């Protein structure tokens, strides 16, 4: 077959480094850009097969999100803008790791397994972020689809490509499959949400945005003219001089608990940070005492779900709404939503694909990871009921107003994936409508102090978990040890889970005070070390000595592996 001959010829131009093994995960493939040329070519091939298989447009996004600039990555986007189906993640890993002589057999195996009609037309949308390696790597993807119809969108945010894939596959029902169409839909909905807010000053319309020196900064600048000064943005880390994600961006702010380099904060001013490909967002401000306050994904989910529940009550709509979290969600947010707001709560395994699927089970599903990645999903039934109420001439003014607000809220949200720009507009609209300051938002509940640590182990897979990763099934005795340690502290909890990218076990602990959270995290880390084949690093020795755990270190010193 001529197609396969061309694959053989072109794949020789994108050789696989000897011995390199990669795994497709929630974030797709992600590693140093030097090792990705062959992967990009092969993901172009796989996206073409997926397009033929689904008879729909498939997206390929070249990005490494919040990773350093020297890294890059790639992930596939399914027809409705969602993450690619799980079985195709396996195919991606299979193709990426196939040696040169095994590539064609691997392709033919996928075609046979999925009964793909190779005469079916294919359409693939390709996008990339601002990394210097992006142009070359996205061209490698296009080489993989070059014998068929591909569309190169060039520089776009990851959420914009998800959005446009969905628009294309719904024949425009979700929106126009262009960047300009994206800007118009979101900005018009934002303006409709905020236009009737009384006495809104320029100060209240002002927002400081850290663009992480990434693609989000470029796209916010392009979108500004559509917002008609209803949101007045001061853009920092816009990519004109700084390095992508270096001492800036949502991940830096979340981990370091401080403002990014280059952002000029004044007391009480609202600020937010995107990550490198603009699918995460966190907010923050500085108090009069100079203290840094972070409003992460948990705070965002609380603000949005509270707003939606109030509108549903005003509209008199009986729709099932839930907030989906992971085990990393701060316990205070869970307690507030469950006990005070009486919202249905669901906990899933870590990873956006797990949260997204869980949110689809409800009429309205709000999901955010604590890192600021999240969105809101509305079922077709929910959208239809809201539309009918908004158009019902017999409904009361209060119900109609609530329904119209819900309609515009739906239109400002990118339901395909977490989206920094969309989430920013939604948050700003809610704060304006409710007349809330960032301080009042922050005061809805107080986070429990927490600590996250990593324990280096020989094989992280010896840790097996259940209950959405909140309890350890193996090794024997570990969960019992954690339970015993948690009982020592007030308002405490802790869990451990294996990392999917490093030879480490991740430890999370929270408690009434920071001192207690720190102590619990370190004690659980020691339990993991003892029971899960720990390998100690000199930095851990220094850390434990500093935290007054010398006597515990001595107890395990004899069994250390260096």
Protein backbone atom coordinates (compact mmCIF):
# COMPACT_ATOMS: atom_id res chain seq x y z
CA UNK A 1 0.00 0.00 0.00
CA UNK A 2 1.43 3.39 -1.07
CA UNK A 3 0.55 5.00 2.28
CA UNK A 4 2.70 2.51 4.17
CA UNK A 5 5.62 2.99 1.79
CA UNK A 6 5.46 6.72 2.45
CA UNK A 7 5.34 6.08 6.20
CA UNK A 8 8.52 4.01 5.92
CA UNK A 9 10.30 6.70 3.92
CA UNK A 10 9.27 9.59 6.15
CA UNK A 11 9.83 7.77 9.44
CA UNK A 12 13.49 7.35 8.45
CA UNK A 13 13.71 11.17 8.58
CA UNK A 14 12.45 11.07 12.19
CA UNK A 15 14.57 8.32 13.78
CA UNK A 16 13.93 7.04 17.28
CA UNK A 17 16.84 7.43 19.76
CA UNK A 18 18.14 4.01 20.75
CA UNK A 19 16.84 2.69 24.06
CA UNK A 20 14.44 5.60 24.70
CA UNK A 21 11.20 4.47 26.37
CA UNK A 22 8.31 6.89 27.01
CA UNK A 23 4.85 6.53 28.55
CA UNK A 24 1.72 8.38 27.41
CA UNK A 25 -0.03 9.72 30.51
CA UNK A 26 -2.67 12.29 31.41
CA UNK A 27 -0.43 15.03 30.02
CA UNK A 28 0.48 13.01 26.92
CA UNK A 29 4.21 12.65 26.28
CA UNK A 30 6.48 15.15 27.98
CA UNK A 31 10.29 15.22 28.11
CA UNK A 32 13.32 17.10 26.80
CA UNK A 33 12.48 18.44 23.34
CA UNK A 34 15.60 16.84 21.83
CA UNK A 35 14.04 13.39 22.30
CA UNK A 36 10.65 14.07 20.74
CA UNK A 37 11.04 14.37 16.97
CA UNK A 38 10.15 10.72 16.28
CA UNK A 39 7.28 10.87 18.79
CA UNK A 40 5.76 13.87 17.04
CA UNK A 41 5.88 12.18 13.65
CA UNK A 42 4.27 9.05 15.05
CA UNK A 43 1.56 11.01 16.88
CA UNK A 44 0.73 12.59 13.52
CA UNK A 45 0.22 9.07 12.19
CA UNK A 46 -1.85 8.05 15.21
CA UNK A 47 -4.03 11.17 15.06
CA UNK A 48 -4.74 10.36 11.41
CA UNK A 49 -5.82 6.83 12.34
CA UNK A 50 -7.96 8.17 15.21
CA UNK A 51 -9.62 10.63 12.81
CA UNK A 52 -10.43 7.85 10.35
CA UNK A 53 -11.64 5.67 13.23
CA UNK A 54 -14.02 8.31 14.63
CA UNK A 55 -14.89 9.94 11.26
CA UNK A 56 -14.16 13.23 13.02
CA UNK A 57 -11.52 15.91 13.46
CA UNK A 58 -8.77 15.10 15.97
CA UNK A 59 -6.42 17.62 17.62
CA UNK A 60 -2.69 17.38 18.30
CA UNK A 61 -1.27 19.93 20.74
CA UNK A 62 2.50 20.42 20.99
CA UNK A 63 3.19 21.73 24.50
CA UNK A 64 4.79 20.87 27.82
CA UNK A 65 2.47 23.14 29.83
CA UNK A 66 4.21 24.29 33.04
CA UNK A 67 7.48 22.40 32.38
CA UNK A 68 10.76 24.30 31.75
CA UNK A 69 11.31 25.79 28.30
CA UNK A 70 13.80 23.14 27.21
CA UNK A 71 11.06 20.49 27.51
CA UNK A 72 8.21 19.90 25.14
CA UNK A 73 5.40 17.40 24.76
CA UNK A 74 2.41 16.29 22.75
CA UNK A 75 -1.12 15.14 23.44
CA UNK A 76 -4.08 14.08 21.32
CA UNK A 77 -7.54 15.63 21.54
CA UNK A 78 -10.68 13.58 20.87
CA UNK A 79 -13.72 14.77 18.84
CA UNK A 80 -15.59 16.65 21.59
CA UNK A 81 -12.42 18.39 22.78
CA UNK A 82 -11.80 15.84 25.53
CA UNK A 83 -8.65 13.81 26.28
CA UNK A 84 -8.03 10.90 23.92
CA UNK A 85 -9.69 7.58 24.85
CA UNK A 86 -7.73 5.38 27.28
CA UNK A 87 -7.11 2.54 24.83
CA UNK A 88 -5.56 5.00 22.40
CA UNK A 89 -3.16 6.15 25.12
CA UNK A 90 -1.85 2.59 24.97
CA UNK A 91 -1.54 2.79 21.19
CA UNK A 92 0.40 6.05 21.57
CA UNK A 93 2.88 4.38 23.93
CA UNK A 94 3.15 1.39 21.59
CA UNK A 95 3.96 3.57 18.56
CA UNK A 96 6.35 5.90 20.39
CA UNK A 97 8.46 3.00 21.67
CA UNK A 98 8.45 0.85 18.52
CA UNK A 99 11.87 0.43 16.97
CA UNK A 100 12.17 1.50 13.34
CA UNK A 101 11.56 -1.98 11.88
CA UNK A 102 8.57 -2.50 14.18
CA UNK A 103 6.74 0.73 13.34
CA UNK A 104 4.75 -0.52 10.36
CA UNK A 105 3.67 -3.76 12.10
CA UNK A 106 2.57 -1.67 15.10
CA UNK A 107 0.52 0.63 12.83
CA UNK A 108 -1.08 -2.30 11.04
CA UNK A 109 -1.90 -3.90 14.40
CA UNK A 110 -3.83 -0.77 15.48
CA UNK A 111 -5.65 -0.64 12.13
CA UNK A 112 -6.68 -4.28 12.50
CA UNK A 113 -7.71 -3.99 16.17
CA UNK A 114 -9.90 -0.94 15.50
CA UNK A 115 -11.14 -2.14 12.07
CA UNK A 116 -10.14 1.21 10.54
CA UNK A 117 -11.25 1.96 6.99
CA UNK A 118 -8.10 3.45 5.47
CA UNK A 119 -10.10 5.03 2.61
CA UNK A 120 -11.99 7.19 5.13
CA UNK A 121 -10.99 10.87 5.01
CA UNK A 122 -9.03 12.23 7.96
CA UNK A 123 -8.75 15.71 9.42
CA UNK A 124 -6.23 16.73 12.06
CA UNK A 125 -5.85 20.15 13.75
CA UNK A 126 -2.33 20.91 15.01
CA UNK A 127 -1.41 23.64 17.51
CA UNK A 128 1.64 24.62 19.57
CA UNK A 129 2.77 26.99 22.31
CA UNK A 130 5.64 29.50 22.21
CA UNK A 131 8.56 27.18 22.98
CA UNK A 132 11.48 27.56 20.59
CA UNK A 133 11.28 23.84 19.76
CA UNK A 134 7.57 24.04 18.91
CA UNK A 135 7.81 25.00 15.22
CA UNK A 136 10.12 22.13 14.32
CA UNK A 137 8.22 19.56 16.38
CA UNK A 138 4.81 20.60 15.08
CA UNK A 139 6.21 20.21 11.56
CA UNK A 140 7.13 16.63 12.47
CA UNK A 141 3.48 16.08 13.46
CA UNK A 142 2.37 17.51 10.12
CA UNK A 143 4.78 15.17 8.35
CA UNK A 144 2.82 12.33 9.94
CA UNK A 145 -0.47 13.58 8.48
CA UNK A 146 0.92 15.13 5.30
CA UNK A 147 -0.68 12.64 2.92
CA UNK A 148 -4.10 13.59 4.35
CA UNK A 149 -5.92 16.78 5.33
CA UNK A 150 -4.34 18.51 8.30
CA UNK A 151 -4.84 22.07 9.55
CA UNK A 152 -1.99 23.85 11.32
CA UNK A 153 -3.37 26.47 13.70
CA UNK A 154 0.14 27.57 14.67
CA UNK A 155 0.39 29.39 17.99
CA UNK A 156 -2.65 28.63 20.17
CA UNK A 157 -3.28 27.79 23.80
CA UNK A 158 -4.03 24.16 24.57
CA UNK A 159 -7.66 24.98 25.55
CA UNK A 160 -8.17 26.92 22.30
CA UNK A 161 -7.25 23.84 20.26
CA UNK A 162 -9.59 21.66 22.37
CA UNK A 163 -12.33 24.24 21.79
CA UNK A 164 -11.82 24.38 18.02
CA UNK A 165 -11.78 20.60 17.65
CA UNK A 166 -15.15 20.49 19.44
CA UNK A 167 -16.54 23.32 17.28
CA UNK A 168 -15.46 21.53 14.11
CA UNK A 169 -17.03 18.23 15.15
CA UNK A 170 -20.33 19.81 16.21
CA UNK A 171 -20.58 21.59 12.85
CA UNK A 172 -20.38 24.95 14.57
CA UNK A 173 -23.04 24.28 17.22
CA UNK A 174 -20.48 24.82 19.99
CA UNK A 175 -19.00 27.83 18.23
CA UNK A 176 -16.86 28.93 15.32
CA UNK A 177 -13.72 26.80 14.90
CA UNK A 178 -11.32 29.75 14.80
CA UNK A 179 -9.34 31.71 17.37
CA UNK A 180 -11.40 34.82 16.55
CA UNK A 181 -14.58 32.80 17.06
CA UNK A 182 -13.27 31.75 20.47
CA UNK A 183 -12.57 35.38 21.41
CA UNK A 184 -16.00 36.57 20.28
CA UNK A 185 -18.01 33.88 22.05
CA UNK A 186 -16.26 34.22 25.42
CA UNK A 187 -15.93 38.00 25.44
CA UNK A 188 -19.55 38.60 24.40
CA UNK A 189 -20.79 36.30 27.16
CA UNK A 190 -18.55 38.10 29.68
CA UNK A 191 -19.84 41.51 28.62
CA UNK A 192 -23.46 40.33 28.88
CA UNK A 193 -22.76 38.97 32.38
CA UNK A 194 -21.21 42.20 33.66
CA UNK A 195 -23.00 44.96 31.72
CA UNK A 196 -25.78 45.46 34.29
CA UNK A 197 -23.55 45.41 37.37
CA UNK A 198 -24.16 48.79 39.07
CA UNK A 199 -21.41 51.25 40.00
CA UNK A 200 -18.53 49.09 38.74
CA UNK A 201 -15.40 51.28 38.85
CA UNK A 202 -12.23 51.06 36.74
CA UNK A 203 -10.40 49.80 39.84
CA UNK A 204 -12.89 46.95 40.14
CA UNK A 205 -12.41 46.14 36.43
CA UNK A 206 -8.63 46.01 36.79
CA UNK A 207 -6.71 42.72 36.98
CA UNK A 208 -2.97 41.94 37.01
CA UNK A 209 -2.21 38.88 34.85
CA UNK A 210 1.04 36.90 34.87
CA UNK A 211 1.26 35.26 31.44
CA UNK A 212 4.13 32.91 32.45
CA UNK A 213 6.03 34.19 29.37
CA UNK A 214 3.87 31.76 27.41
CA UNK A 215 1.19 31.49 24.77
CA UNK A 216 -1.53 32.70 27.16
CA UNK A 217 0.09 36.14 27.31
CA UNK A 218 -0.07 36.49 23.53
CA UNK A 219 -3.69 35.38 23.39
CA UNK A 220 -4.86 37.63 26.24
CA UNK A 221 -3.30 40.57 24.42
CA UNK A 222 -5.16 39.60 21.23
CA UNK A 223 -8.44 39.19 23.10
CA UNK A 224 -8.33 42.54 24.94
CA UNK A 225 -10.01 44.52 22.14
CA UNK A 226 -13.01 42.17 22.29
CA UNK A 227 -13.56 42.93 25.99
CA UNK A 228 -14.36 46.62 25.37
CA UNK A 229 -12.53 47.66 28.56
CA UNK A 230 -15.02 45.75 30.72
CA UNK A 231 -11.89 43.99 31.98
CA UNK A 232 -8.74 46.12 32.13
CA UNK A 233 -5.66 43.91 32.19
CA UNK A 234 -2.12 44.76 33.27
CA UNK A 235 -0.07 41.99 31.65
CA UNK A 236 3.22 40.85 33.17
CA UNK A 237 5.66 38.17 31.98
CA UNK A 238 4.33 38.58 28.46
CA UNK A 239 7.17 36.70 26.76
CA UNK A 240 8.95 39.79 25.49
CA UNK A 241 12.02 39.16 27.65
CA UNK A 242 11.63 36.44 30.29
CA UNK A 243 11.91 32.66 30.00
CA UNK A 244 8.84 30.42 29.80
CA UNK A 245 7.64 29.32 33.29
CA UNK A 246 10.87 30.55 34.90
CA UNK A 247 10.03 32.02 38.32
CA UNK A 248 6.56 32.77 37.05
CA UNK A 249 3.33 31.03 36.11
CA UNK A 250 0.64 29.20 38.05
CA UNK A 251 2.79 26.24 39.10
CA UNK A 252 5.56 28.49 40.45
CA UNK A 253 3.07 30.59 42.44
CA UNK A 254 1.27 27.51 43.82
CA UNK A 255 4.45 25.68 44.87
CA UNK A 256 6.49 28.64 46.10
CA UNK A 257 3.52 30.45 47.71
CA UNK A 258 4.78 33.81 46.51
CA UNK A 259 4.22 36.27 43.69
CA UNK A 260 6.02 35.64 40.40
CA UNK A 261 9.03 37.65 39.35
CA UNK A 262 8.03 40.74 37.42
CA UNK A 263 4.56 41.23 38.89
CA UNK A 264 4.13 44.57 40.63
CA UNK A 265 1.55 43.91 43.36
CA UNK A 266 -0.13 46.63 45.38
CA UNK A 267 -1.95 45.88 48.62
CA UNK A 268 -5.29 44.16 48.04
CA UNK A 269 -4.97 44.09 44.24
CA UNK A 270 -6.33 41.04 42.38
CA UNK A 271 -3.67 39.11 40.50
CA UNK A 272 -3.72 35.83 38.64
CA UNK A 273 -1.17 33.57 36.95
CA UNK A 274 -1.57 31.29 33.93
CA UNK A 275 0.73 28.37 33.22
CA UNK A 276 2.79 27.96 30.03
CA UNK A 277 -0.01 26.65 27.78
CA UNK A 278 -2.83 28.52 29.58
CA UNK A 279 -4.87 25.63 30.99
CA UNK A 280 -4.29 26.44 34.69
CA UNK A 281 -4.98 29.55 36.74
CA UNK A 282 -4.47 30.65 40.34
CA UNK A 283 -5.36 33.97 41.99
CA UNK A 284 -3.53 35.82 44.76
CA UNK A 285 -3.16 39.14 46.56
CA UNK A 286 -1.07 40.81 49.24
CA UNK A 287 -2.58 41.95 52.54
CA UNK A 288 -1.84 45.26 54.26
CA UNK A 289 0.53 43.33 56.52
CA UNK A 290 2.48 42.18 53.47
CA UNK A 291 1.27 38.58 53.68
CA UNK A 292 0.84 36.64 50.44
CA UNK A 293 -2.60 35.02 49.99
CA UNK A 294 -3.14 32.26 47.39
CA UNK A 295 -6.55 31.34 45.99
CA UNK A 296 -6.00 28.00 44.25
CA UNK A 297 -8.25 25.56 42.41
CA UNK A 298 -10.14 24.67 45.59
CA UNK A 299 -11.06 28.33 46.18
CA UNK A 300 -12.02 28.72 42.52
CA UNK A 301 -14.30 25.65 42.62
CA UNK A 302 -15.94 26.97 45.79
CA UNK A 303 -16.61 30.42 44.28
CA UNK A 304 -18.06 29.00 41.06
CA UNK A 305 -20.21 26.28 42.67
CA UNK A 306 -21.60 28.71 45.25
CA UNK A 307 -22.55 31.14 42.46
CA UNK A 308 -24.19 28.40 40.37
CA UNK A 309 -26.15 27.00 43.32
CA UNK A 310 -27.52 30.46 44.12
CA UNK A 311 -28.62 30.93 40.50
CA UNK A 312 -30.26 27.49 40.37
CA UNK A 313 -32.20 28.33 43.54
CA UNK A 314 -33.31 31.70 42.14
CA UNK A 315 -34.33 30.04 38.87
CA UNK A 316 -36.22 27.27 40.67
CA UNK A 317 -34.42 24.66 38.57
CA UNK A 318 -34.08 21.14 39.96
CA UNK A 319 -30.70 20.16 38.53
CA UNK A 320 -28.16 17.83 40.14
CA UNK A 321 -24.92 19.73 40.70
CA UNK A 322 -21.70 18.28 42.12
CA UNK A 323 -18.13 19.39 42.80
CA UNK A 324 -15.46 16.86 41.82
CA UNK A 325 -12.14 16.96 43.66
CA UNK A 326 -9.05 14.81 44.18
CA UNK A 327 -7.50 13.75 47.48
CA UNK A 328 -5.26 16.83 47.25
CA UNK A 329 -8.22 19.19 47.75
CA UNK A 330 -7.88 21.05 51.02
CA UNK A 331 -10.12 19.52 53.70
CA UNK A 332 -11.61 22.91 54.58
CA UNK A 333 -12.96 23.34 51.05
CA UNK A 334 -14.59 19.90 51.13
CA UNK A 335 -16.15 20.53 54.53
CA UNK A 336 -17.47 23.97 53.51
CA UNK A 337 -19.07 22.72 50.29
CA UNK A 338 -20.49 19.57 51.84
CA UNK A 339 -21.64 20.87 55.23
CA UNK A 340 -22.38 24.57 54.64
CA UNK A 341 -23.38 24.73 50.97
CA UNK A 342 -24.90 21.20 50.95
CA UNK A 343 -23.30 20.48 47.57
CA UNK A 344 -22.78 16.90 46.35
CA UNK A 345 -19.06 16.03 46.57
CA UNK A 346 -17.20 13.37 44.61
CA UNK A 347 -13.53 12.42 44.93
CA UNK A 348 -11.58 10.83 42.07
CA UNK A 349 -8.05 9.70 41.34
CA UNK A 350 -5.53 12.40 40.48
CA UNK A 351 -5.57 13.44 36.83
CA UNK A 352 -7.83 15.74 34.82
CA UNK A 353 -9.27 12.90 32.73
CA UNK A 354 -10.65 11.27 35.92
CA UNK A 355 -12.24 14.52 37.12
CA UNK A 356 -13.71 15.29 33.70
CA UNK A 357 -15.35 11.87 33.39
CA UNK A 358 -16.76 12.07 36.93
CA UNK A 359 -18.20 15.55 36.27
CA UNK A 360 -20.09 14.17 33.27
CA UNK A 361 -22.24 12.08 35.64
CA UNK A 362 -24.17 15.17 36.82
CA UNK A 363 -26.39 17.85 35.32
CA UNK A 364 -23.72 20.34 36.34
CA UNK A 365 -20.24 19.17 37.28
CA UNK A 366 -17.68 21.61 38.67
CA UNK A 367 -14.17 20.20 38.77
CA UNK A 368 -10.82 21.74 39.67
CA UNK A 369 -7.53 20.32 40.80
CA UNK A 370 -5.85 22.36 43.52
CA UNK A 371 -3.23 23.41 40.94
CA UNK A 372 -5.90 25.50 39.19
CA UNK A 373 -6.77 23.19 36.29
CA UNK A 374 -10.51 22.79 35.91
CA UNK A 375 -13.78 23.81 34.31
CA UNK A 376 -17.56 23.30 34.54
CA UNK A 377 -19.63 20.80 32.53
CA UNK A 378 -23.33 21.20 31.76
CA UNK A 379 -25.38 18.26 30.49
CA UNK A 380 -27.56 18.71 27.41
CA UNK A 381 -30.59 18.36 29.69
CA UNK A 382 -29.35 21.17 31.94
CA UNK A 383 -28.64 23.47 29.00
CA UNK A 384 -32.08 22.78 27.52
CA UNK A 385 -33.93 23.47 30.80
CA UNK A 386 -32.02 26.71 31.30
CA UNK A 387 -32.75 27.80 27.71
CA UNK A 388 -36.47 27.01 28.05
CA UNK A 389 -36.73 29.04 31.27
CA UNK A 390 -34.89 32.01 29.76
CA UNK A 391 -37.36 32.04 26.85
CA UNK A 392 -40.50 31.43 28.96
CA UNK A 393 -42.58 34.61 28.86
CA UNK A 394 -44.64 33.45 31.86
CA UNK A 395 -41.69 33.06 34.25
CA UNK A 396 -41.05 35.70 36.92
CA UNK A 397 -38.42 38.41 36.46
CA UNK A 398 -36.21 36.79 39.12
CA UNK A 399 -36.32 33.38 37.44
CA UNK A 400 -35.71 34.84 33.99
CA UNK A 401 -32.77 36.93 35.23
CA UNK A 402 -31.22 33.85 36.85
CA UNK A 403 -31.74 31.78 33.70
CA UNK A 404 -30.15 34.46 31.51
CA UNK A 405 -27.16 34.65 33.84
CA UNK A 406 -26.84 30.87 33.66
CA UNK A 407 -27.00 30.97 29.85
CA UNK A 408 -24.21 33.53 29.63
CA UNK A 409 -22.22 31.63 32.24
CA UNK A 410 -22.42 28.53 30.02
CA UNK A 411 -21.14 30.58 27.06
CA UNK A 412 -18.17 32.06 28.92
CA UNK A 413 -17.03 28.56 30.00
CA UNK A 414 -14.84 26.35 27.82
CA UNK A 415 -16.39 22.99 28.70
CA UNK A 416 -13.84 20.95 26.75
CA UNK A 417 -10.95 21.39 29.21
CA UNK A 418 -9.49 23.66 31.89
CA UNK A 419 -8.83 27.08 30.34
CA UNK A 420 -6.99 29.96 32.04
CA UNK A 421 -8.66 32.64 29.91
CA UNK A 422 -12.18 31.23 30.21
CA UNK A 423 -11.79 30.60 33.95
CA UNK A 424 -10.42 34.12 34.45
CA UNK A 425 -13.45 35.68 32.71
CA UNK A 426 -15.85 33.52 34.72
CA UNK A 427 -14.20 34.42 38.03
CA UNK A 428 -14.12 38.13 37.19
CA UNK A 429 -17.80 38.04 36.18
CA UNK A 430 -18.82 36.26 39.41
CA UNK A 431 -16.89 38.71 41.60
CA UNK A 432 -18.51 41.63 39.76
CA UNK A 433 -22.06 40.22 39.94
CA UNK A 434 -21.74 39.33 43.64
CA UNK A 435 -19.94 42.60 44.44
CA UNK A 436 -17.14 40.65 46.15
CA UNK A 437 -13.57 41.69 46.72
CA UNK A 438 -10.77 39.16 46.45
CA UNK A 439 -10.42 39.36 50.24
CA UNK A 440 -14.09 38.48 50.75
CA UNK A 441 -13.71 35.56 48.37
CA UNK A 442 -10.66 34.35 50.28
CA UNK A 443 -12.56 34.59 53.58
CA UNK A 444 -15.27 32.07 52.52
CA UNK A 445 -13.21 29.47 54.36
CA UNK A 446 -9.66 29.15 55.73
CA UNK A 447 -7.37 26.47 54.32
CA UNK A 448 -6.03 23.85 56.68
CA UNK A 449 -2.21 24.00 56.79
CA UNK A 450 -0.68 21.24 54.67
CA UNK A 451 2.61 19.83 53.53
CA UNK A 452 3.61 17.74 50.49
CA UNK A 453 6.79 15.65 50.44
CA UNK A 454 8.42 13.06 48.18
CA UNK A 455 10.11 9.85 49.33
CA UNK A 456 12.58 8.24 46.95
CA UNK A 457 11.95 4.50 46.63
CA UNK A 458 13.28 1.61 44.53
CA UNK A 459 9.88 0.93 42.99
CA UNK A 460 6.95 3.29 43.61
CA UNK A 461 4.53 0.66 42.30
CA UNK A 462 4.82 -1.28 45.56
CA UNK A 463 2.32 1.35 46.76
CA UNK A 464 -1.19 0.37 45.72
CA UNK A 465 -4.14 2.58 46.67
CA UNK A 466 -7.92 2.55 46.83
CA UNK A 467 -10.73 5.01 47.70
CA UNK A 468 -9.60 7.56 45.07
CA UNK A 469 -5.97 7.21 46.26
CA UNK A 470 -6.85 8.16 49.83
CA UNK A 471 -5.95 4.79 51.38
CA UNK A 472 -3.02 2.45 50.78
CA UNK A 473 -3.75 -1.24 50.13
CA UNK A 474 -0.09 -2.25 49.99
CA UNK A 475 2.55 -2.69 51.29
CA UNK A 476 1.18 -4.44 54.34
CA UNK A 477 1.03 -2.30 57.43
CA UNK A 478 1.45 1.06 55.74
CA UNK A 479 -2.15 2.25 56.02
CA UNK A 480 -2.30 1.10 59.64
CA UNK A 481 0.85 3.14 60.33
CA UNK A 482 -0.64 6.22 58.63
CA UNK A 483 -3.90 5.87 60.59
CA UNK A 484 -1.96 5.68 63.85
CA UNK A 485 0.09 8.78 63.03
CA UNK A 486 -2.98 10.81 61.94
CA UNK A 487 -4.63 10.17 65.33
CA UNK A 488 -1.85 12.16 67.03
CA UNK A 489 -2.97 15.47 65.49
CA UNK A 490 -6.14 17.57 65.40
CA UNK A 491 -8.10 17.92 62.13
CA UNK A 492 -5.49 15.75 60.48
CA UNK A 493 -5.39 13.48 57.47
CA UNK A 494 -2.66 12.04 55.28
CA UNK A 495 -2.33 9.85 52.22
CA UNK A 496 0.41 8.52 49.95
CA UNK A 497 0.43 7.69 46.25
CA UNK A 498 3.06 6.53 43.74
CA UNK A 499 4.33 9.08 41.26
CA UNK A 500 3.65 8.30 37.63
CA UNK A 501 6.76 10.15 36.42
CA UNK A 502 9.47 9.67 39.08
CA UNK A 503 10.78 6.89 41.35
CA UNK A 504 9.13 8.56 44.32
CA UNK A 505 6.10 8.22 46.55
CA UNK A 506 4.18 11.45 47.10
CA UNK A 507 3.10 12.21 50.66
CA UNK A 508 0.32 14.66 51.58
CA UNK A 509 -0.59 15.73 55.10
CA UNK A 510 -2.80 18.41 56.59
CA UNK A 511 -3.60 19.35 60.17
CA UNK A 512 -4.81 22.17 62.43
CA UNK A 513 -1.43 23.93 62.50
CA UNK A 514 1.48 24.14 60.07
CA UNK A 515 3.77 22.62 62.67
CA UNK A 516 1.47 19.62 63.00
CA UNK A 517 1.11 19.25 59.22
CA UNK A 518 4.90 19.34 58.82
CA UNK A 519 5.44 16.79 61.59
CA UNK A 520 2.76 14.44 60.24
CA UNK A 521 4.15 14.62 56.70
CA UNK A 522 7.64 13.73 57.89
CA UNK A 523 6.45 10.90 60.12
CA UNK A 524 4.42 9.40 57.28
CA UNK A 525 7.47 9.79 55.00
CA UNK A 526 9.50 7.72 57.44
CA UNK A 527 6.80 5.06 57.48
CA UNK A 528 6.90 4.95 53.66
CA UNK A 529 10.69 4.70 53.77
CA UNK A 530 10.60 1.77 56.20
CA UNK A 531 7.77 -0.16 54.58
CA UNK A 532 8.11 0.63 50.85
CA UNK A 533 11.81 0.17 50.14
CA UNK A 534 13.00 3.72 50.60
CA UNK A 535 16.24 5.10 49.22
CA UNK A 536 17.41 8.12 51.17
CA UNK A 537 18.97 11.22 49.62
CA UNK A 538 21.36 13.54 51.44
CA UNK A 539 18.88 16.41 51.12
CA UNK A 540 16.32 14.34 53.01
CA UNK A 541 18.89 13.83 55.78
CA UNK A 542 19.37 17.59 56.10
CA UNK A 543 15.62 18.16 56.01
CA UNK A 544 14.88 15.58 58.69
CA UNK A 545 17.68 16.89 60.95
CA UNK A 546 16.30 20.40 60.58
CA UNK A 547 12.83 19.17 61.53
CA UNK A 548 14.19 17.53 64.72
CA UNK A 549 13.83 14.00 63.49
CA UNK A 550 17.40 12.90 64.21
CA UNK A 551 16.33 10.15 66.59
CA UNK A 552 13.97 8.70 63.97
CA UNK A 553 16.72 8.86 61.33
CA UNK A 554 19.05 6.88 63.57
CA UNK A 555 16.44 4.10 63.87
CA UNK A 556 16.50 3.48 60.12
CA UNK A 557 20.16 4.37 59.45
CA UNK A 558 21.31 0.78 59.34
CA UNK A 559 18.99 -0.15 56.48
CA UNK A 560 19.70 2.81 54.22
CA UNK A 561 20.46 2.29 50.51
CA UNK A 562 22.84 4.92 49.13
